[in-house]
Amino acid sequence: MAEQPWSIGLRESLFVWPLLELAHVLVLMLFVGTAAMLDLRLLGVAFRSVPASEFTGRLLPWTRASFALMAITGLLLFYSSPVRYYQNIFFRAKVVLLVAAGLNIWWFHSRVHQRVHAWDLTMPPPQAARLAAVLSLVAWTGVVVTGRMVAYSWFDCGLQPQSAFVNWAAGCVVPPVPEP
């Protein structure tokens, strides 16, 4: 995949790659901002007088649209240097956190949010809603932090010797060192 013309073109482009990264960061800010607002409402910390159903109804379209754009730009960034990203320990941690955040979103919308009208103005919101909000805040904070750390090459496979755990976590294939 790394040797495909489109991948090389993205990676070596003077303007496309930086604009793609800029777009990714901007829609990430929109997504995290709206998700954090929703989570703070679910925790009962902010926007307490606004019914939860009305709040989610107004913000979810923005959250979903920004997530879609964030996913598209993220996939294109990955496509530009798939081997480098695949072997980056922070990228792998980010993917695990994305899966955890996705499972939390699925659980919240398939279970808790189905009964939102029953607890619309209840303070504090039900424990399940607060738990989903805390998990969301932790997961998305982790995604942002690990996503930022992807830029650093502290644990690249080419930097040996690394600990066995780092080599395993990053998917590095390290030839055995011959003994003298």
Protein backbone atom coordinates (compact mmCIF):
# COMPACT_ATOMS: atom_id res chain seq x y z
CA MET A 1 0.00 0.00 0.00
CA ALA A 2 2.88 2.39 0.79
CA GLU A 3 4.19 2.05 -2.77
CA GLN A 4 0.90 2.95 -4.49
CA PRO A 5 1.09 6.15 -6.58
CA TRP A 6 -1.64 7.84 -4.51
CA SER A 7 0.14 7.00 -1.26
CA ILE A 8 3.44 8.35 -2.57
CA GLY A 9 1.68 11.41 -3.97
CA LEU A 10 0.08 12.19 -0.62
CA ARG A 11 3.30 11.62 1.30
CA GLU A 12 5.46 13.76 -1.02
CA SER A 13 2.95 16.51 -1.74
CA LEU A 14 4.02 19.99 -0.82
CA PHE A 15 0.45 21.19 -0.13
CA VAL A 16 -1.99 18.26 0.02
CA TRP A 17 -0.56 16.47 3.06
CA PRO A 18 -0.33 19.64 5.23
CA LEU A 19 -3.84 20.68 4.18
CA LEU A 20 -5.12 17.19 4.96
CA GLU A 21 -3.52 17.29 8.39
CA LEU A 22 -4.92 20.78 8.99
CA ALA A 23 -8.41 19.61 8.03
CA HIS A 24 -8.02 16.56 10.31
CA VAL A 25 -7.05 18.71 13.28
CA LEU A 26 -9.82 21.27 12.66
CA VAL A 27 -12.60 18.67 12.41
CA LEU A 28 -11.07 16.88 15.40
CA MET A 29 -11.49 20.11 17.40
CA LEU A 30 -15.12 20.42 16.29
CA PHE A 31 -15.79 16.77 17.11
CA VAL A 32 -14.10 16.79 20.51
CA GLY A 33 -15.74 20.11 21.38
CA THR A 34 -19.25 18.91 20.64
CA ALA A 35 -18.62 15.50 22.22
CA ALA A 36 -17.26 17.15 25.38
CA MET A 37 -20.30 19.42 25.57
CA LEU A 38 -22.58 16.39 25.31
CA ASP A 39 -20.56 14.54 27.93
CA LEU A 40 -20.64 17.47 30.34
CA ARG A 41 -24.42 17.64 29.93
CA LEU A 42 -24.67 13.89 30.60
CA LEU A 43 -22.58 14.33 33.74
CA GLY A 44 -24.96 17.07 34.90
CA VAL A 45 -22.07 19.55 35.14
CA ALA A 46 -23.10 21.96 32.37
CA PHE A 47 -26.26 22.95 30.49
CA ARG A 48 -28.38 21.55 33.33
CA SER A 49 -31.52 23.46 32.33
CA VAL A 50 -31.51 22.14 28.75
CA PRO A 51 -33.30 18.82 28.26
CA ALA A 52 -30.85 16.08 27.31
CA SER A 53 -32.96 15.07 24.30
CA GLU A 54 -32.96 18.64 22.94
CA PHE A 55 -29.24 19.02 23.59
CA THR A 56 -28.33 15.79 21.82
CA GLY A 57 -30.76 16.55 19.02
CA ARG A 58 -29.02 19.83 18.27
CA LEU A 59 -25.39 18.72 18.72
CA LEU A 60 -25.37 15.17 17.37
CA PRO A 61 -25.62 16.21 13.68
CA TRP A 62 -22.49 18.37 14.14
CA THR A 63 -20.75 15.61 16.07
CA ARG A 64 -21.57 12.98 13.45
CA ALA A 65 -20.56 15.18 10.50
CA SER A 66 -17.26 16.14 12.11
CA PHE A 67 -16.58 12.50 12.98
CA ALA A 68 -17.18 11.47 9.37
CA LEU A 69 -14.78 14.13 8.07
CA MET A 70 -12.27 13.27 10.79
CA ALA A 71 -12.40 9.58 9.81
CA ILE A 72 -11.96 10.36 6.10
CA THR A 73 -9.00 12.68 6.66
CA GLY A 74 -7.49 10.25 9.19
CA LEU A 75 -7.72 7.36 6.75
CA LEU A 76 -6.06 9.46 4.05
CA LEU A 77 -3.27 10.41 6.45
CA PHE A 78 -2.80 6.73 7.31
CA TYR A 79 -2.79 5.87 3.59
CA SER A 80 0.08 8.32 3.03
CA SER A 81 2.48 6.30 5.26
CA PRO A 82 0.80 3.05 6.27
CA VAL A 83 3.94 1.17 7.34
CA ARG A 84 5.16 4.02 9.54
CA TYR A 85 1.76 4.38 11.21
CA TYR A 86 1.21 0.64 11.54
CA GLN A 87 4.49 0.23 13.40
CA ASN A 88 3.97 3.26 15.64
CA ILE A 89 3.16 2.28 19.21
CA PHE A 90 1.17 5.48 19.77
CA PHE A 91 -0.90 4.90 16.62
CA ARG A 92 -1.73 1.40 17.85
CA ALA A 93 -2.78 2.80 21.23
CA LYS A 94 -4.91 5.38 19.41
CA VAL A 95 -6.68 2.64 17.44
CA VAL A 96 -7.42 0.71 20.65
CA LEU A 97 -8.85 3.88 22.21
CA LEU A 98 -10.91 4.56 19.06
CA VAL A 99 -12.42 1.08 19.31
CA ALA A 100 -13.17 1.63 23.01
CA ALA A 101 -14.77 5.01 22.24
CA GLY A 102 -16.81 3.44 19.43
CA LEU A 103 -18.07 0.66 21.71
CA ASN A 104 -19.01 3.27 24.31
CA ILE A 105 -20.94 5.27 21.70
CA TRP A 106 -22.73 2.12 20.53
CA TRP A 107 -23.63 1.14 24.10
CA PHE A 108 -24.86 4.64 24.95
CA HIS A 109 -27.03 5.08 21.87
CA SER A 110 -28.40 1.52 21.81
CA ARG A 111 -29.20 1.35 25.53
CA VAL A 112 -29.10 4.56 27.56
CA HIS A 113 -30.18 7.17 25.01
CA GLN A 114 -33.19 5.07 23.98
CA ARG A 115 -34.86 6.12 27.27
CA VAL A 116 -33.70 9.75 27.27
CA HIS A 117 -37.24 11.14 27.58
CA ALA A 118 -37.62 9.38 30.92
CA TRP A 119 -34.65 11.27 32.40
CA ASP A 120 -34.50 14.39 30.22
CA LEU A 121 -34.28 16.93 33.06
CA THR A 122 -33.37 14.59 35.90
CA MET A 123 -30.37 15.81 37.89
CA PRO A 124 -28.12 14.06 38.20
CA PRO A 125 -28.68 12.02 35.04
CA PRO A 126 -28.82 8.23 35.45
CA GLN A 127 -25.62 6.46 36.42
CA ALA A 128 -25.41 4.74 33.02
CA ALA A 129 -25.43 8.12 31.23
CA ARG A 130 -22.77 9.50 33.57
CA LEU A 131 -20.63 6.40 33.11
CA ALA A 132 -20.88 6.72 29.32
CA ALA A 133 -19.87 10.39 29.60
CA VAL A 134 -16.82 9.63 31.74
CA LEU A 135 -15.73 6.80 29.44
CA SER A 136 -16.19 9.10 26.44
CA LEU A 137 -14.13 11.91 27.97
CA VAL A 138 -11.33 9.50 28.94
CA ALA A 139 -11.31 7.70 25.58
CA TRP A 140 -11.39 10.83 23.41
CA THR A 141 -8.76 12.55 25.56
CA GLY A 142 -6.60 9.46 25.07
CA VAL A 143 -7.23 9.53 21.32
CA VAL A 144 -6.13 13.17 21.12
CA VAL A 145 -3.01 12.61 23.25
CA THR A 146 -1.90 9.43 21.48
CA GLY A 147 -2.70 11.02 18.11
CA ARG A 148 -0.39 13.89 18.99
CA MET A 149 2.31 11.47 20.12
CA VAL A 150 2.26 9.65 16.75
CA ALA A 151 4.51 12.39 15.39
CA TYR A 152 7.37 11.36 17.66
CA SER A 153 9.72 8.57 16.65
CA TRP A 154 10.88 7.53 20.11
CA PHE A 155 9.93 3.90 19.54
CA ASP A 156 10.39 3.47 15.77
CA CYS A 157 11.39 -0.03 14.72
CA GLY A 158 14.58 1.33 13.17
CA LEU A 159 15.76 2.52 16.59
CA GLN A 160 17.22 -0.58 18.17
CA PRO A 161 17.81 -1.87 20.73
CA GLN A 162 14.30 -1.44 22.19
CA SER A 163 12.70 -3.46 24.94
CA ALA A 164 10.99 -6.69 23.91
CA PHE A 165 7.65 -5.19 24.95
CA VAL A 166 8.09 -2.12 22.72
CA ASN A 167 9.11 -4.30 19.77
CA TRP A 168 6.07 -6.52 20.34
CA ALA A 169 3.67 -3.58 20.82
CA ALA A 170 4.95 -1.80 17.71
CA GLY A 171 5.01 -4.96 15.59
CA CYS A 172 8.75 -4.68 14.97
CA VAL A 173 10.53 -7.68 13.51
CA VAL A 174 14.01 -7.61 14.96
CA PRO A 175 16.60 -10.12 13.79
CA PRO A 176 18.41 -11.84 16.64
CA VAL A 177 21.77 -10.37 17.55
CA PRO A 178 24.57 -12.89 16.99
CA GLU A 179 26.60 -13.61 20.11
CA PRO A 180 30.36 -12.93 19.90
